[in-house]
Protein backbone atom coordinates (compact mmCIF):
# COMPACT_ATOMS: atom_id res chain seq x y z
CA UNK A 1 -0.07 0.20 -0.10
CA UNK A 2 0.90 3.63 -1.15
CA UNK A 3 1.91 5.84 1.83
CA UNK A 4 1.25 9.26 -0.97
CA UNK A 5 -2.80 8.98 -0.36
CA UNK A 6 -2.81 8.62 3.21
CA UNK A 7 -6.42 10.41 4.49
CA UNK A 8 -4.84 12.77 7.49
CA UNK A 9 -1.30 13.62 7.03
CA UNK A 10 0.13 17.02 7.49
CA UNK A 11 2.38 18.30 4.03
CA UNK A 12 5.79 18.22 7.37
CA UNK A 13 4.46 14.22 7.83
CA UNK A 14 4.63 13.72 4.02
CA UNK A 15 7.54 15.90 3.09
CA UNK A 16 9.01 13.92 6.35
CA UNK A 17 7.71 10.16 4.46
CA UNK A 18 9.82 10.78 0.94
CA UNK A 19 12.63 11.46 2.96
CA UNK A 20 12.59 8.84 4.10
CA UNK A 21 12.13 6.84 0.66
CA UNK A 22 14.93 9.03 -0.78
CA UNK A 23 16.83 7.74 2.49
CA UNK A 24 16.17 4.22 2.60
CA UNK A 25 16.26 3.91 -1.58
CA UNK A 26 19.70 5.63 -1.57
CA UNK A 27 21.06 3.01 0.36
CA UNK A 28 19.12 0.07 -1.06
CA UNK A 29 20.75 1.12 -4.21
CA UNK A 30 24.58 2.49 -3.02
CA UNK A 31 24.73 -1.39 -0.93
CA UNK A 32 22.90 -3.88 -3.44
CA UNK A 33 25.03 -1.93 -6.46
CA UNK A 34 28.65 -2.02 -4.94
CA UNK A 35 29.66 -5.12 -6.99
CA UNK A 36 29.12 -2.54 -10.10
CA UNK A 37 30.68 0.45 -8.58
CA UNK A 38 33.74 -1.68 -7.94
CA UNK A 39 33.89 -2.94 -11.72
CA UNK A 40 33.47 0.64 -12.49
CA UNK A 41 36.20 1.52 -10.73
CA UNK A 42 38.97 -0.54 -11.75
CA UNK A 43 36.94 -0.63 -15.44
CA UNK A 44 35.55 2.81 -16.17
CA UNK A 45 35.22 1.48 -20.26
CA UNK A 46 35.25 5.08 -20.76
CA UNK A 47 36.94 8.15 -20.69
CA UNK A 48 36.90 8.76 -16.43
CA UNK A 49 35.09 12.29 -15.99
CA UNK A 50 32.44 10.55 -18.30
CA UNK A 51 32.01 7.70 -16.30
CA UNK A 52 31.90 10.04 -13.65
CA UNK A 53 29.81 11.96 -14.63
CA UNK A 54 27.27 9.16 -16.10
CA UNK A 55 27.61 7.53 -12.72
CA UNK A 56 26.54 9.93 -9.85
CA UNK A 57 23.90 10.22 -12.71
CA UNK A 58 22.97 6.93 -12.43
CA UNK A 59 22.86 6.59 -8.75
CA UNK A 60 21.61 10.35 -7.48
CA UNK A 61 18.71 9.32 -10.25
CA UNK A 62 18.36 5.48 -10.01
CA UNK A 63 17.80 6.51 -6.10
CA UNK A 64 15.52 8.83 -7.47
CA UNK A 65 12.77 6.31 -9.44
CA UNK A 66 13.44 4.08 -6.90
CA UNK A 67 11.96 6.45 -4.12
CA UNK A 68 8.84 7.53 -6.76
CA UNK A 69 8.21 3.75 -7.59
CA UNK A 70 8.74 2.27 -3.97
CA UNK A 71 6.33 5.25 -2.14
CA UNK A 72 3.71 4.86 -4.60
CA UNK A 73 4.30 8.84 -6.23
CA UNK A 74 4.33 6.90 -9.60
CA UNK A 75 3.13 3.87 -9.69
CA UNK A 76 4.76 0.60 -11.41
CA UNK A 77 4.04 -1.83 -8.82
CA UNK A 78 4.65 -3.43 -5.84
CA UNK A 79 8.68 -3.34 -4.62
CA UNK A 80 9.72 -6.26 -2.21
CA UNK A 81 10.16 -4.65 0.88
CA UNK A 82 13.61 -2.97 2.12
CA UNK A 83 14.46 -5.57 4.33
CA UNK A 84 13.02 -8.70 2.32
CA UNK A 85 15.85 -11.57 1.96
CA UNK A 86 14.04 -13.89 -0.43
CA UNK A 87 14.68 -11.15 -2.70
CA UNK A 88 18.17 -10.53 -1.92
CA UNK A 89 20.32 -12.38 -4.91
CA UNK A 90 17.75 -10.49 -7.43
CA UNK A 91 18.23 -7.19 -6.19
CA UNK A 92 21.73 -7.15 -6.30
CA UNK A 93 22.20 -8.66 -9.89
CA UNK A 94 19.61 -6.40 -11.01
CA UNK A 95 20.66 -3.00 -9.28
CA UNK A 96 24.39 -3.80 -9.77
CA UNK A 97 23.64 -4.85 -13.72
CA UNK A 98 21.32 -1.89 -14.05
CA UNK A 99 24.16 0.65 -12.48
CA UNK A 100 26.80 -0.46 -14.66
CA UNK A 101 24.61 -0.86 -17.85
CA UNK A 102 23.44 3.14 -16.89
CA UNK A 103 27.19 4.39 -16.61
CA UNK A 104 28.03 2.51 -19.40
CA UNK A 105 25.24 3.51 -21.97
CA UNK A 106 26.49 7.39 -20.58
CA UNK A 107 29.93 6.74 -20.99
CA UNK A 108 28.84 5.68 -24.40
CA UNK A 109 26.86 8.48 -25.22
CA UNK A 110 29.40 10.86 -24.56
CA UNK A 111 32.20 9.39 -26.90
CA UNK A 112 29.45 9.40 -29.16
CA UNK A 113 27.98 12.91 -28.88
CA UNK A 114 30.84 14.26 -27.21
CA UNK A 115 28.11 15.91 -24.95
CA UNK A 116 28.23 15.41 -20.86
CA UNK A 117 24.47 16.29 -21.37
CA UNK A 118 24.38 13.23 -23.15
CA UNK A 119 26.44 11.13 -20.10
CA UNK A 120 24.12 12.65 -17.67
CA UNK A 121 20.71 11.96 -19.23
CA UNK A 122 20.80 8.82 -20.75
CA UNK A 123 21.91 6.88 -17.47
CA UNK A 124 18.62 9.19 -16.63
CA UNK A 125 16.51 7.07 -18.78
CA UNK A 126 17.87 3.93 -18.94
CA UNK A 127 17.24 4.00 -14.07
CA UNK A 128 14.27 4.51 -14.92
CA UNK A 129 13.07 1.95 -17.62
CA UNK A 130 15.22 -0.86 -15.34
CA UNK A 131 13.67 0.35 -12.06
CA UNK A 132 10.31 0.77 -13.46
CA UNK A 133 10.23 -2.88 -14.72
CA UNK A 134 11.49 -4.50 -11.79
CA UNK A 135 8.35 -5.40 -9.77
CA UNK A 136 7.17 -7.60 -13.37
CA UNK A 137 10.46 -9.31 -13.40
CA UNK A 138 10.30 -10.06 -9.33
CA UNK A 139 6.90 -11.16 -9.29
CA UNK A 140 7.17 -13.70 -12.40
CA UNK A 141 10.19 -14.97 -10.57
CA UNK A 142 8.49 -15.60 -7.16
């Protein structure tokens, strides 16, 4: 059940709830995508500037997308709870693959267009698509 339409919740309460989703989604993404972040550190595949911009964009917007999807602000389906250990292997692999793929896509955009905007914008779309598809994949694999 989403907390976005809870009746009687004050504006401060809604902002606090949103910040909780941001915080926990950021922790979840940073921890579960650690294998990808380590791989990017040692094998950036593209120019280090492109990888840095694309990686920052991936993590920042990936966190925002996860918070929006988990909180029901953008309905895409039910995500497993933050502490769900049964889905941990799937989330670990999926989040790592998403971070790695989105960052490399941003680096490729930099290389092909020569623009920092491509390195920053391509990961935004890639993380949105990947994280929006996650609830359906999780449901299928249950």
